[in-house]
Amino acid sequence: MPRSPLGVLLTRGTHEDSHYALVVATAAAALGRPVTLFCTNGGCRLLLRDPPLLGEAREARLAERGVATLAELLEAAEALPLRLVACEAGLRAEGIAAGALRPGVEVAGIVTFLEAVGPGQIVTL
């Protein structure tokens, strides 16, 4: 039975929001759902090739406690059939060049995101 698409909309670049957006997206993709992670505004920082050291102490605590880190979740996202999209307008708003993004990240607008999710669910973080 086909599973409904899931869209994860990340609007802020905080460690907590970025971490849980990846937790939700990778878990749903691992269950076989089509997933699009759409990052806009501050959330675009998650998709940078060399992301800022946001939440470095928090990442260390997560690793010590056996919780997947951002780096591990990003690696999982790249291994899963998970679509990573940076919002074109969000990149412009944050002054981020598309060339600064990780390989495999698509640059598109909100219409592309909504079209990908269709009648599925959208989770906003």
PDB file of N, CA and C in Angstrom:
ATOM      1  N   MET A   1       0.843  -1.183   0.000  1.00  0.00           N
ATOM      2  CA  MET A   1       0.000   0.000   0.000  1.00  0.00           C
ATOM      3  C   MET A   1       0.891   1.250   0.000  1.00  0.00           C
ATOM      4  N   PRO A   2       0.684   2.173  -0.942  1.00  0.00           N
ATOM      5  CA  PRO A   2       1.498   3.386  -0.999  1.00  0.00           C
ATOM      6  C   PRO A   2       1.268   4.245   0.247  1.00  0.00           C
ATOM      7  N   ARG A   3       2.318   4.858   0.697  1.00  0.00           N
ATOM      8  CA  ARG A   3       2.235   5.728   1.869  1.00  0.00           C
ATOM      9  C   ARG A   3       2.126   7.180   1.420  1.00  0.00           C
ATOM     10  N   SER A   4       1.398   7.974   2.195  1.00  0.00           N
ATOM     11  CA  SER A   4       1.218   9.373   1.806  1.00  0.00           C
ATOM     12  C   SER A   4       2.507  10.158   2.026  1.00  0.00           C
ATOM     13  N   PRO A   5       2.747  11.148   1.178  1.00  0.00           N
ATOM     14  CA  PRO A   5       3.956  11.957   1.298  1.00  0.00           C
ATOM     15  C   PRO A   5       3.967  12.773   2.593  1.00  0.00           C
ATOM     16  N   LEU A   6       5.169  13.048   3.065  1.00  0.00           N
ATOM     17  CA  LEU A   6       5.359  13.901   4.234  1.00  0.00           C
ATOM     18  C   LEU A   6       6.257  15.050   3.834  1.00  0.00           C
ATOM     19  N   GLY A   7       5.843  16.248   4.190  1.00  0.00           N
ATOM     20  CA  GLY A   7       6.663  17.432   4.010  1.00  0.00           C
ATOM     21  C   GLY A   7       7.070  17.961   5.356  1.00  0.00           C
ATOM     22  N   VAL A   8       8.354  18.187   5.540  1.00  0.00           N
ATOM     23  CA  VAL A   8       8.871  18.782   6.774  1.00  0.00           C
ATOM     24  C   VAL A   8       9.372  20.167   6.400  1.00  0.00           C
ATOM     25  N   LEU A   9       8.793  21.179   7.036  1.00  0.00           N
ATOM     26  CA  LEU A   9       9.112  22.572   6.748  1.00  0.00           C
ATOM     27  C   LEU A   9       9.927  23.128   7.910  1.00  0.00           C
ATOM     28  N   LEU A  10      11.198  23.431   7.654  1.00  0.00           N
ATOM     29  CA  LEU A  10      12.097  23.961   8.678  1.00  0.00           C
ATOM     30  C   LEU A  10      12.302  25.445   8.411  1.00  0.00           C
ATOM     31  N   THR A  11      11.822  26.282   9.335  1.00  0.00           N
ATOM     32  CA  THR A  11      11.879  27.727   9.130  1.00  0.00           C
ATOM     33  C   THR A  11      12.948  28.422   9.961  1.00  0.00           C
ATOM     34  N   ARG A  12      13.458  27.740  10.992  1.00  0.00           N
ATOM     35  CA  ARG A  12      14.457  28.360  11.874  1.00  0.00           C
ATOM     36  C   ARG A  12      15.714  27.508  11.892  1.00  0.00           C
ATOM     37  N   GLY A  13      16.818  28.143  12.226  1.00  0.00           N
ATOM     38  CA  GLY A  13      18.089  27.442  12.218  1.00  0.00           C
ATOM     39  C   GLY A  13      18.583  27.029  13.590  1.00  0.00           C
ATOM     40  N   THR A  14      17.687  26.911  14.564  1.00  0.00           N
ATOM     41  CA  THR A  14      18.143  26.490  15.889  1.00  0.00           C
ATOM     42  C   THR A  14      18.549  25.016  15.849  1.00  0.00           C
ATOM     43  N   HIS A  15      19.402  24.651  16.780  1.00  0.00           N
ATOM     44  CA  HIS A  15      19.833  23.254  16.853  1.00  0.00           C
ATOM     45  C   HIS A  15      18.637  22.338  17.075  1.00  0.00           C
ATOM     46  N   GLU A  16      17.777  22.683  18.016  1.00  0.00           N
ATOM     47  CA  GLU A  16      16.650  21.821  18.357  1.00  0.00           C
ATOM     48  C   GLU A  16      15.716  21.612  17.172  1.00  0.00           C
ATOM     49  N   ASP A  17      15.372  22.694  16.490  1.00  0.00           N
ATOM     50  CA  ASP A  17      14.475  22.581  15.339  1.00  0.00           C
ATOM     51  C   ASP A  17      15.119  21.778  14.214  1.00  0.00           C
ATOM     52  N   SER A  18      16.396  22.061  13.934  1.00  0.00           N
ATOM     53  CA  SER A  18      17.108  21.352  12.869  1.00  0.00           C
ATOM     54  C   SER A  18      17.210  19.863  13.190  1.00  0.00           C
ATOM     55  N   HIS A  19      17.552  19.567  14.430  1.00  0.00           N
ATOM     56  CA  HIS A  19      17.708  18.172  14.854  1.00  0.00           C
ATOM     57  C   HIS A  19      16.392  17.411  14.699  1.00  0.00           C
ATOM     58  N   TYR A  20      15.316  17.995  15.202  1.00  0.00           N
ATOM     59  CA  TYR A  20      14.068  17.243  15.149  1.00  0.00           C
ATOM     60  C   TYR A  20      13.478  17.188  13.747  1.00  0.00           C
ATOM     61  N   ALA A  21      13.737  18.192  12.930  1.00  0.00           N
ATOM     62  CA  ALA A  21      13.304  18.113  11.533  1.00  0.00           C
ATOM     63  C   ALA A  21      13.955  16.912  10.862  1.00  0.00           C
ATOM     64  N   LEU A  22      15.239  16.706  11.138  1.00  0.00           N
ATOM     65  CA  LEU A  22      15.942  15.548  10.570  1.00  0.00           C
ATOM     66  C   LEU A  22      15.464  14.235  11.190  1.00  0.00           C
ATOM     67  N   VAL A  23      15.166  14.233  12.481  1.00  0.00           N
ATOM     68  CA  VAL A  23      14.643  13.020  13.127  1.00  0.00           C
ATOM     69  C   VAL A  23      13.335  12.604  12.459  1.00  0.00           C
ATOM     70  N   VAL A  24      12.418  13.540  12.304  1.00  0.00           N
ATOM     71  CA  VAL A  24      11.115  13.238  11.695  1.00  0.00           C
ATOM     72  C   VAL A  24      11.287  12.803  10.245  1.00  0.00           C
ATOM     73  N   ALA A  25      12.079  13.555   9.487  1.00  0.00           N
ATOM     74  CA  ALA A  25      12.243  13.262   8.058  1.00  0.00           C
ATOM     75  C   ALA A  25      12.906  11.908   7.817  1.00  0.00           C
ATOM     76  N   THR A  26      13.987  11.617   8.554  1.00  0.00           N
ATOM     77  CA  THR A  26      14.680  10.345   8.328  1.00  0.00           C
ATOM     78  C   THR A  26      13.846   9.155   8.809  1.00  0.00           C
ATOM     79  N   ALA A  27      13.124   9.328   9.903  1.00  0.00           N
ATOM     80  CA  ALA A  27      12.281   8.232  10.400  1.00  0.00           C
ATOM     81  C   ALA A  27      11.177   7.912   9.392  1.00  0.00           C
ATOM     82  N   ALA A  28      10.527   8.939   8.874  1.00  0.00           N
ATOM     83  CA  ALA A  28       9.457   8.713   7.900  1.00  0.00           C
ATOM     84  C   ALA A  28      10.005   8.080   6.620  1.00  0.00           C
ATOM     85  N   ALA A  29      11.166   8.542   6.161  1.00  0.00           N
ATOM     86  CA  ALA A  29      11.775   7.960   4.960  1.00  0.00           C
ATOM     87  C   ALA A  29      12.154   6.504   5.202  1.00  0.00           C
ATOM     88  N   ALA A  30      12.651   6.204   6.408  1.00  0.00           N
ATOM     89  CA  ALA A  30      13.018   4.824   6.733  1.00  0.00           C
ATOM     90  C   ALA A  30      11.792   3.911   6.748  1.00  0.00           C
ATOM     91  N   LEU A  31      10.625   4.483   7.022  1.00  0.00           N
ATOM     92  CA  LEU A  31       9.379   3.715   7.003  1.00  0.00           C
ATOM     93  C   LEU A  31       8.785   3.594   5.598  1.00  0.00           C
ATOM     94  N   GLY A  32       9.453   4.206   4.634  1.00  0.00           N
ATOM     95  CA  GLY A  32       8.994   4.090   3.253  1.00  0.00           C
ATOM     96  C   GLY A  32       8.109   5.213   2.770  1.00  0.00           C
ATOM     97  N   ARG A  33       7.961   6.276   3.542  1.00  0.00           N
ATOM     98  CA  ARG A  33       7.155   7.414   3.084  1.00  0.00           C
ATOM     99  C   ARG A  33       7.993   8.312   2.188  1.00  0.00           C
ATOM    100  N   PRO A  34       7.401   8.852   1.143  1.00  0.00           N
ATOM    101  CA  PRO A  34       8.101   9.874   0.358  1.00  0.00           C
ATOM    102  C   PRO A  34       8.217  11.136   1.227  1.00  0.00           C
ATOM    103  N   VAL A  35       9.433  11.638   1.395  1.00  0.00           N
ATOM    104  CA  VAL A  35       9.664  12.775   2.297  1.00  0.00           C
ATOM    105  C   VAL A  35      10.417  13.881   1.574  1.00  0.00           C
ATOM    106  N   THR A  36       9.934  15.103   1.781  1.00  0.00           N
ATOM    107  CA  THR A  36      10.635  16.294   1.314  1.00  0.00           C
ATOM    108  C   THR A  36      10.908  17.169   2.523  1.00  0.00           C
ATOM    109  N   LEU A  37      12.186  17.444   2.777  1.00  0.00           N
ATOM    110  CA  LEU A  37      12.577  18.380   3.830  1.00  0.00           C
ATOM    111  C   LEU A  37      12.852  19.710   3.147  1.00  0.00           C
ATOM    112  N   PHE A  38      12.009  20.690   3.433  1.00  0.00           N
ATOM    113  CA  PHE A  38      12.079  22.006   2.805  1.00  0.00           C
ATOM    114  C   PHE A  38      12.561  23.003   3.845  1.00  0.00           C
ATOM    115  N   CYS A  39      13.732  23.577   3.610  1.00  0.00           N
ATOM    116  CA  CYS A  39      14.331  24.512   4.555  1.00  0.00           C
ATOM    117  C   CYS A  39      14.248  25.925   3.996  1.00  0.00           C
ATOM    118  N   THR A  40      13.784  26.846   4.825  1.00  0.00           N
ATOM    119  CA  THR A  40      13.698  28.234   4.410  1.00  0.00           C
ATOM    120  C   THR A  40      14.229  29.144   5.506  1.00  0.00           C
ATOM    121  N   ASN A  41      14.550  30.358   5.132  1.00  0.00           N
ATOM    122  CA  ASN A  41      15.078  31.355   6.054  1.00  0.00           C
ATOM    123  C   ASN A  41      16.218  30.759   6.887  1.00  0.00           C
ATOM    124  N   GLY A  42      16.198  30.887   8.200  1.00  0.00           N
ATOM    125  CA  GLY A  42      17.282  30.379   9.032  1.00  0.00           C
ATOM    126  C   GLY A  42      17.481  28.882   8.914  1.00  0.00           C
ATOM    127  N   GLY A  43      16.421  28.162   8.566  1.00  0.00           N
ATOM    128  CA  GLY A  43      16.520  26.712   8.399  1.00  0.00           C
ATOM    129  C   GLY A  43      17.447  26.297   7.276  1.00  0.00           C
ATOM    130  N   CYS A  44      17.718  27.202   6.333  1.00  0.00           N
ATOM    131  CA  CYS A  44      18.618  26.892   5.220  1.00  0.00           C
ATOM    132  C   CYS A  44      20.032  26.567   5.703  1.00  0.00           C
ATOM    133  N   ARG A  45      20.402  27.067   6.885  1.00  0.00           N
ATOM    134  CA  ARG A  45      21.753  26.812   7.401  1.00  0.00           C
ATOM    135  C   ARG A  45      22.010  25.321   7.617  1.00  0.00           C
ATOM    136  N   LEU A  46      20.956  24.557   7.871  1.00  0.00           N
ATOM    137  CA  LEU A  46      21.113  23.116   8.046  1.00  0.00           C
ATOM    138  C   LEU A  46      21.706  22.464   6.803  1.00  0.00           C
ATOM    139  N   LEU A  47      21.422  23.026   5.638  1.00  0.00           N
ATOM    140  CA  LEU A  47      21.822  22.412   4.377  1.00  0.00           C
ATOM    141  C   LEU A  47      23.145  22.949   3.821  1.00  0.00           C
ATOM    142  N   LEU A  48      23.848  23.749   4.613  1.00  0.00           N
ATOM    143  CA  LEU A  48      25.139  24.269   4.168  1.00  0.00           C
ATOM    144  C   LEU A  48      26.190  23.161   4.103  1.00  0.00           C
ATOM    145  N   ARG A  49      27.074  23.269   3.131  1.00  0.00           N
ATOM    146  CA  ARG A  49      28.185  22.327   2.988  1.00  0.00           C
ATOM    147  C   ARG A  49      29.030  22.334   4.260  1.00  0.00           C
ATOM    148  N   ASP A  50      29.310  23.513   4.770  1.00  0.00           N
ATOM    149  CA  ASP A  50      30.071  23.682   6.010  1.00  0.00           C
ATOM    150  C   ASP A  50      29.197  24.461   6.988  1.00  0.00           C
ATOM    151  N   PRO A  51      28.283  23.764   7.684  1.00  0.00           N
ATOM    152  CA  PRO A  51      27.360  24.481   8.571  1.00  0.00           C
ATOM    153  C   PRO A  51      28.092  25.101   9.758  1.00  0.00           C
ATOM    154  N   PRO A  52      27.544  26.199  10.288  1.00  0.00           N
ATOM    155  CA  PRO A  52      28.157  26.798  11.472  1.00  0.00           C
ATOM    156  C   PRO A  52      28.074  25.819  12.643  1.00  0.00           C
ATOM    157  N   LEU A  53      28.932  25.990  13.615  1.00  0.00           N
ATOM    158  CA  LEU A  53      28.964  25.088  14.773  1.00  0.00           C
ATOM    159  C   LEU A  53      27.820  25.420  15.722  1.00  0.00           C
ATOM    160  N   LEU A  54      26.625  25.271  15.227  1.00  0.00           N
ATOM    161  CA  LEU A  54      25.425  25.545  15.996  1.00  0.00           C
ATOM    162  C   LEU A  54      25.162  24.404  16.963  1.00  0.00           C
ATOM    163  N   GLY A  55      25.101  24.718  18.239  1.00  0.00           N
ATOM    164  CA  GLY A  55      24.784  23.683  19.212  1.00  0.00           C
ATOM    165  C   GLY A  55      25.890  22.676  19.428  1.00  0.00           C
ATOM    166  N   GLU A  56      27.144  23.095  19.340  1.00  0.00           N
ATOM    167  CA  GLU A  56      28.267  22.163  19.463  1.00  0.00           C
ATOM    168  C   GLU A  56      28.236  21.416  20.804  1.00  0.00           C
ATOM    169  N   ALA A  57      27.964  22.125  21.892  1.00  0.00           N
ATOM    170  CA  ALA A  57      27.893  21.471  23.209  1.00  0.00           C
ATOM    171  C   ALA A  57      26.705  20.508  23.256  1.00  0.00           C
ATOM    172  N   ARG A  58      25.609  20.911  22.669  1.00  0.00           N
ATOM    173  CA  ARG A  58      24.410  20.042  22.632  1.00  0.00           C
ATOM    174  C   ARG A  58      24.701  18.789  21.825  1.00  0.00           C
ATOM    175  N   GLU A  59      25.392  18.937  20.706  1.00  0.00           N
ATOM    176  CA  GLU A  59      25.752  17.778  19.874  1.00  0.00           C
ATOM    177  C   GLU A  59      26.606  16.790  20.670  1.00  0.00           C
ATOM    178  N   ALA A  60      27.553  17.319  21.429  1.00  0.00           N
ATOM    179  CA  ALA A  60      28.415  16.455  22.243  1.00  0.00           C
ATOM    180  C   ALA A  60      27.598  15.704  23.288  1.00  0.00           C
ATOM    181  N   ARG A  61      26.639  16.388  23.916  1.00  0.00           N
ATOM    182  CA  ARG A  61      25.781  15.720  24.906  1.00  0.00           C
ATOM    183  C   ARG A  61      24.935  14.640  24.255  1.00  0.00           C
ATOM    184  N   LEU A  62      24.401  14.933  23.069  1.00  0.00           N
ATOM    185  CA  LEU A  62      23.591  13.931  22.369  1.00  0.00           C
ATOM    186  C   LEU A  62      24.427  12.690  22.074  1.00  0.00           C
ATOM    187  N   ALA A  63      25.630  12.898  21.572  1.00  0.00           N
ATOM    188  CA  ALA A  63      26.513  11.779  21.242  1.00  0.00           C
ATOM    189  C   ALA A  63      26.836  10.954  22.485  1.00  0.00           C
ATOM    190  N   GLU A  64      27.132  11.641  23.597  1.00  0.00           N
ATOM    191  CA  GLU A  64      27.429  10.946  24.855  1.00  0.00           C
ATOM    192  C   GLU A  64      26.253  10.096  25.324  1.00  0.00           C
ATOM    193  N   ARG A  65      25.043  10.548  25.028  1.00  0.00           N
ATOM    194  CA  ARG A  65      23.835   9.864  25.496  1.00  0.00           C
ATOM    195  C   ARG A  65      23.272   8.884  24.476  1.00  0.00           C
ATOM    196  N   GLY A  66      24.003   8.696  23.378  1.00  0.00           N
ATOM    197  CA  GLY A  66      23.571   7.722  22.375  1.00  0.00           C
ATOM    198  C   GLY A  66      22.454   8.200  21.464  1.00  0.00           C
ATOM    199  N   VAL A  67      22.294   9.518  21.343  1.00  0.00           N
ATOM    200  CA  VAL A  67      21.280  10.096  20.458  1.00  0.00           C
ATOM    201  C   VAL A  67      21.975  10.540  19.175  1.00  0.00           C
ATOM    202  N   ALA A  68      21.346  10.278  18.058  1.00  0.00           N
ATOM    203  CA  ALA A  68      21.935  10.659  16.771  1.00  0.00           C
ATOM    204  C   ALA A  68      22.197  12.165  16.715  1.00  0.00           C
ATOM    205  N   THR A  69      23.368  12.525  16.217  1.00  0.00           N
ATOM    206  CA  THR A  69      23.749  13.930  16.068  1.00  0.00           C
ATOM    207  C   THR A  69      23.272  14.459  14.717  1.00  0.00           C
ATOM    208  N   LEU A  70      23.393  15.769  14.535  1.00  0.00           N
ATOM    209  CA  LEU A  70      23.037  16.353  13.240  1.00  0.00           C
ATOM    210  C   LEU A  70      23.849  15.722  12.111  1.00  0.00           C
ATOM    211  N   ALA A  71      25.143  15.538  12.336  1.00  0.00           N
ATOM    212  CA  ALA A  71      25.998  14.949  11.303  1.00  0.00           C
ATOM    213  C   ALA A  71      25.521  13.544  10.946  1.00  0.00           C
ATOM    214  N   GLU A  72      25.176  12.758  11.949  1.00  0.00           N
ATOM    215  CA  GLU A  72      24.694  11.394  11.696  1.00  0.00           C
ATOM    216  C   GLU A  72      23.353  11.399  10.985  1.00  0.00           C
ATOM    217  N   LEU A  73      22.476  12.316  11.384  1.00  0.00           N
ATOM    218  CA  LEU A  73      21.162  12.396  10.739  1.00  0.00           C
ATOM    219  C   LEU A  73      21.279  12.891   9.300  1.00  0.00           C
ATOM    220  N   LEU A  74      22.190  13.824   9.052  1.00  0.00           N
ATOM    221  CA  LEU A  74      22.405  14.288   7.678  1.00  0.00           C
ATOM    222  C   LEU A  74      22.960  13.160   6.811  1.00  0.00           C
ATOM    223  N   GLU A  75      23.841  12.366   7.373  1.00  0.00           N
ATOM    224  CA  GLU A  75      24.371  11.206   6.644  1.00  0.00           C
ATOM    225  C   GLU A  75      23.251  10.222   6.325  1.00  0.00           C
ATOM    226  N   ALA A  76      22.376   9.986   7.283  1.00  0.00           N
ATOM    227  CA  ALA A  76      21.229   9.095   7.056  1.00  0.00           C
ATOM    228  C   ALA A  76      20.306   9.680   5.992  1.00  0.00           C
ATOM    229  N   ALA A  77      20.086  10.996   6.051  1.00  0.00           N
ATOM    230  CA  ALA A  77      19.210  11.643   5.067  1.00  0.00           C
ATOM    231  C   ALA A  77      19.743  11.463   3.654  1.00  0.00           C
ATOM    232  N   GLU A  78      21.050  11.516   3.508  1.00  0.00           N
ATOM    233  CA  GLU A  78      21.654  11.349   2.187  1.00  0.00           C
ATOM    234  C   GLU A  78      21.567   9.906   1.703  1.00  0.00           C
ATOM    235  N   ALA A  79      21.524   8.954   2.638  1.00  0.00           N
ATOM    236  CA  ALA A  79      21.450   7.535   2.270  1.00  0.00           C
ATOM    237  C   ALA A  79      20.017   7.085   1.992  1.00  0.00           C
ATOM    238  N   LEU A  80      19.055   7.818   2.509  1.00  0.00           N
ATOM    239  CA  LEU A  80      17.639   7.465   2.331  1.00  0.00           C
ATOM    240  C   LEU A  80      17.058   8.198   1.127  1.00  0.00           C
ATOM    241  N   PRO A  81      15.938   7.712   0.614  1.00  0.00           N
ATOM    242  CA  PRO A  81      15.270   8.463  -0.456  1.00  0.00           C
ATOM    243  C   PRO A  81      14.509   9.651   0.132  1.00  0.00           C
ATOM    244  N   LEU A  82      15.254  10.663   0.500  1.00  0.00           N
ATOM    245  CA  LEU A  82      14.710  11.849   1.152  1.00  0.00           C
ATOM    246  C   LEU A  82      15.122  13.062   0.325  1.00  0.00           C
ATOM    247  N   ARG A  83      14.171  13.850  -0.071  1.00  0.00           N
ATOM    248  CA  ARG A  83      14.433  15.016  -0.917  1.00  0.00           C
ATOM    249  C   ARG A  83      14.764  16.218  -0.037  1.00  0.00           C
ATOM    250  N   LEU A  84      15.953  16.776  -0.215  1.00  0.00           N
ATOM    251  CA  LEU A  84      16.387  17.956   0.529  1.00  0.00           C
ATOM    252  C   LEU A  84      16.255  19.175  -0.374  1.00  0.00           C
ATOM    253  N   VAL A  85      15.462  20.148   0.073  1.00  0.00           N
ATOM    254  CA  VAL A  85      15.205  21.329  -0.752  1.00  0.00           C
ATOM    255  C   VAL A  85      15.468  22.592   0.068  1.00  0.00           C
ATOM    256  N   ALA A  86      16.262  23.491  -0.497  1.00  0.00           N
ATOM    257  CA  ALA A  86      16.481  24.810   0.097  1.00  0.00           C
ATOM    258  C   ALA A  86      15.591  25.801  -0.651  1.00  0.00           C
ATOM    259  N   CYS A  87      14.872  26.591   0.102  1.00  0.00           N
ATOM    260  CA  CYS A  87      13.962  27.583  -0.480  1.00  0.00           C
ATOM    261  C   CYS A  87      14.758  28.694  -1.162  1.00  0.00           C
ATOM    262  N   GLU A  88      14.429  28.933  -2.400  1.00  0.00           N
ATOM    263  CA  GLU A  88      15.116  29.973  -3.168  1.00  0.00           C
ATOM    264  C   GLU A  88      14.997  31.339  -2.493  1.00  0.00           C
ATOM    265  N   ALA A  89      13.797  31.701  -2.062  1.00  0.00           N
ATOM    266  CA  ALA A  89      13.589  32.989  -1.397  1.00  0.00           C
ATOM    267  C   ALA A  89      14.269  33.013  -0.029  1.00  0.00           C
ATOM    268  N   GLY A  90      14.230  31.880   0.675  1.00  0.00           N
ATOM    269  CA  GLY A  90      14.874  31.795   1.985  1.00  0.00           C
ATOM    270  C   GLY A  90      16.385  31.978   1.890  1.00  0.00           C
ATOM    271  N   LEU A  91      16.977  31.409   0.847  1.00  0.00           N
ATOM    272  CA  LEU A  91      18.412  31.593   0.634  1.00  0.00           C
ATOM    273  C   LEU A  91      18.733  33.071   0.405  1.00  0.00           C
ATOM    274  N   ARG A  92      17.925  33.717  -0.427  1.00  0.00           N
ATOM    275  CA  ARG A  92      18.141  35.145  -0.692  1.00  0.00           C
ATOM    276  C   ARG A  92      17.963  35.969   0.582  1.00  0.00           C
ATOM    277  N   ALA A  93      16.931  35.641   1.371  1.00  0.00           N
ATOM    278  CA  ALA A  93      16.664  36.378   2.609  1.00  0.00           C
ATOM    279  C   ALA A  93      17.825  36.263   3.593  1.00  0.00           C
ATOM    280  N   GLU A  94      18.494  35.114   3.593  1.00  0.00           N
ATOM    281  CA  GLU A  94      19.616  34.880   4.516  1.00  0.00           C
ATOM    282  C   GLU A  94      20.970  35.233   3.912  1.00  0.00           C
ATOM    283  N   GLY A  95      20.991  35.609   2.638  1.00  0.00           N
ATOM    284  CA  GLY A  95      22.252  35.956   1.983  1.00  0.00           C
ATOM    285  C   GLY A  95      23.144  34.747   1.751  1.00  0.00           C
ATOM    286  N   ILE A  96      22.532  33.589   1.497  1.00  0.00           N
ATOM    287  CA  ILE A  96      23.283  32.348   1.284  1.00  0.00           C
ATOM    288  C   ILE A  96      23.298  32.026  -0.208  1.00  0.00           C
ATOM    289  N   ALA A  97      24.469  31.775  -0.749  1.00  0.00           N
ATOM    290  CA  ALA A  97      24.601  31.399  -2.158  1.00  0.00           C
ATOM    291  C   ALA A  97      24.290  29.917  -2.318  1.00  0.00           C
ATOM    292  N   ALA A  98      23.642  29.562  -3.408  1.00  0.00           N
ATOM    293  CA  ALA A  98      23.300  28.157  -3.668  1.00  0.00           C
ATOM    294  C   ALA A  98      24.556  27.282  -3.701  1.00  0.00           C
ATOM    295  N   GLY A  99      25.678  27.831  -4.114  1.00  0.00           N
ATOM    296  CA  GLY A  99      26.928  27.084  -4.171  1.00  0.00           C
ATOM    297  C   GLY A  99      27.465  26.678  -2.803  1.00  0.00           C
ATOM    298  N   ALA A 100      26.936  27.275  -1.741  1.00  0.00           N
ATOM    299  CA  ALA A 100      27.378  26.947  -0.386  1.00  0.00           C
ATOM    300  C   ALA A 100      26.643  25.735   0.192  1.00  0.00           C
ATOM    301  N   LEU A 101      25.672  25.211  -0.569  1.00  0.00           N
ATOM    302  CA  LEU A 101      24.867  24.098  -0.065  1.00  0.00           C
ATOM    303  C   LEU A 101      25.564  22.753  -0.260  1.00  0.00           C
ATOM    304  N   ARG A 102      25.149  21.780   0.545  1.00  0.00           N
ATOM    305  CA  ARG A 102      25.659  20.411   0.441  1.00  0.00           C
ATOM    306  C   ARG A 102      25.334  19.847  -0.942  1.00  0.00           C
ATOM    307  N   PRO A 103      26.128  18.919  -1.435  1.00  0.00           N
ATOM    308  CA  PRO A 103      25.802  18.262  -2.694  1.00  0.00           C
ATOM    309  C   PRO A 103      24.450  17.545  -2.569  1.00  0.00           C
ATOM    310  N   GLY A 104      23.694  17.594  -3.635  1.00  0.00           N
ATOM    311  CA  GLY A 104      22.409  16.900  -3.656  1.00  0.00           C
ATOM    312  C   GLY A 104      21.231  17.719  -3.172  1.00  0.00           C
ATOM    313  N   VAL A 105      21.492  18.923  -2.650  1.00  0.00           N
ATOM    314  CA  VAL A 105      20.399  19.781  -2.199  1.00  0.00           C
ATOM    315  C   VAL A 105      19.834  20.520  -3.405  1.00  0.00           C
ATOM    316  N   GLU A 106      18.539  20.470  -3.534  1.00  0.00           N
ATOM    317  CA  GLU A 106      17.826  21.139  -4.627  1.00  0.00           C
ATOM    318  C   GLU A 106      17.422  22.542  -4.166  1.00  0.00           C
ATOM    319  N   VAL A 107      17.460  23.506  -5.055  1.00  0.00           N
ATOM    320  CA  VAL A 107      16.978  24.856  -4.758  1.00  0.00           C
ATOM    321  C   VAL A 107      15.670  25.030  -5.524  1.00  0.00           C
ATOM    322  N   ALA A 108      14.606  25.348  -4.790  1.00  0.00           N
ATOM    323  CA  ALA A 108      13.284  25.492  -5.402  1.00  0.00           C
ATOM    324  C   ALA A 108      12.420  26.376  -4.510  1.00  0.00           C
ATOM    325  N   GLY A 109      11.225  26.632  -4.970  1.00  0.00           N
ATOM    326  CA  GLY A 109      10.294  27.474  -4.223  1.00  0.00           C
ATOM    327  C   GLY A 109       9.218  26.674  -3.510  1.00  0.00           C
ATOM    328  N   ILE A 110       8.385  27.397  -2.812  1.00  0.00           N
ATOM    329  CA  ILE A 110       7.333  26.775  -2.008  1.00  0.00           C
ATOM    330  C   ILE A 110       6.338  25.992  -2.863  1.00  0.00           C
ATOM    331  N   VAL A 111       6.120  26.419  -4.085  1.00  0.00           N
ATOM    332  CA  VAL A 111       5.198  25.687  -4.958  1.00  0.00           C
ATOM    333  C   VAL A 111       5.723  24.269  -5.213  1.00  0.00           C
ATOM    334  N   THR A 112       7.013  24.134  -5.409  1.00  0.00           N
ATOM    335  CA  THR A 112       7.626  22.817  -5.602  1.00  0.00           C
ATOM    336  C   THR A 112       7.408  21.950  -4.370  1.00  0.00           C
ATOM    337  N   PHE A 113       7.576  22.534  -3.187  1.00  0.00           N
ATOM    338  CA  PHE A 113       7.358  21.802  -1.938  1.00  0.00           C
ATOM    339  C   PHE A 113       5.912  21.341  -1.822  1.00  0.00           C
ATOM    340  N   LEU A 114       4.986  22.248  -2.023  1.00  0.00           N
ATOM    341  CA  LEU A 114       3.568  21.893  -1.900  1.00  0.00           C
ATOM    342  C   LEU A 114       3.165  20.852  -2.934  1.00  0.00           C
ATOM    343  N   GLU A 115       3.714  20.958  -4.123  1.00  0.00           N
ATOM    344  CA  GLU A 115       3.432  19.979  -5.167  1.00  0.00           C
ATOM    345  C   GLU A 115       3.976  18.599  -4.775  1.00  0.00           C
ATOM    346  N   ALA A 116       5.153  18.557  -4.165  1.00  0.00           N
ATOM    347  CA  ALA A 116       5.761  17.289  -3.750  1.00  0.00           C
ATOM    348  C   ALA A 116       4.944  16.609  -2.660  1.00  0.00           C
ATOM    349  N   VAL A 117       4.390  17.391  -1.754  1.00  0.00           N
ATOM    350  CA  VAL A 117       3.615  16.835  -0.634  1.00  0.00           C
ATOM    351  C   VAL A 117       2.202  16.486  -1.083  1.00  0.00           C
ATOM    352  N   GLY A 118       1.639  17.264  -1.990  1.00  0.00           N
ATOM    353  CA  GLY A 118       0.292  16.988  -2.482  1.00  0.00           C
ATOM    354  C   GLY A 118      -0.690  16.854  -1.330  1.00  0.00           C
ATOM    355  N   PRO A 119      -1.456  15.772  -1.310  1.00  0.00           N
ATOM    356  CA  PRO A 119      -2.468  15.612  -0.248  1.00  0.00           C
ATOM    357  C   PRO A 119      -1.893  15.025   1.046  1.00  0.00           C
ATOM    358  N   GLY A 120      -0.568  14.907   1.117  1.00  0.00           N
ATOM    359  CA  GLY A 120       0.065  14.340   2.315  1.00  0.00           C
ATOM    360  C   GLY A 120       0.071  15.295   3.480  1.00  0.00           C
ATOM    361  N   GLN A 121       0.915  15.023   4.442  1.00  0.00           N
ATOM    362  CA  GLN A 121       1.009  15.832   5.670  1.00  0.00           C
ATOM    363  C   GLN A 121       2.187  16.790   5.590  1.00  0.00           C
ATOM    364  N   ILE A 122       2.041  17.916   6.294  1.00  0.00           N
ATOM    365  CA  ILE A 122       3.141  18.863   6.457  1.00  0.00           C
ATOM    366  C   ILE A 122       3.365  19.087   7.943  1.00  0.00           C
ATOM    367  N   VAL A 123       4.607  18.939   8.365  1.00  0.00           N
ATOM    368  CA  VAL A 123       5.030  19.206   9.733  1.00  0.00           C
ATOM    369  C   VAL A 123       5.908  20.443   9.684  1.00  0.00           C
ATOM    370  N   THR A 124       5.626  21.416  10.531  1.00  0.00           N
ATOM    371  CA  THR A 124       6.403  22.653  10.551  1.00  0.00           C
ATOM    372  C   THR A 124       7.223  22.743  11.829  1.00  0.00           C
ATOM    373  N   LEU A 125       8.506  23.021  11.648  1.00  0.00           N
ATOM    374  CA  LEU A 125       9.412  23.218  12.799  1.00  0.00           C
ATOM    375  C   LEU A 125      10.161  24.512  12.621  1.00  0.00           C
TER     376      LEU A 125
END
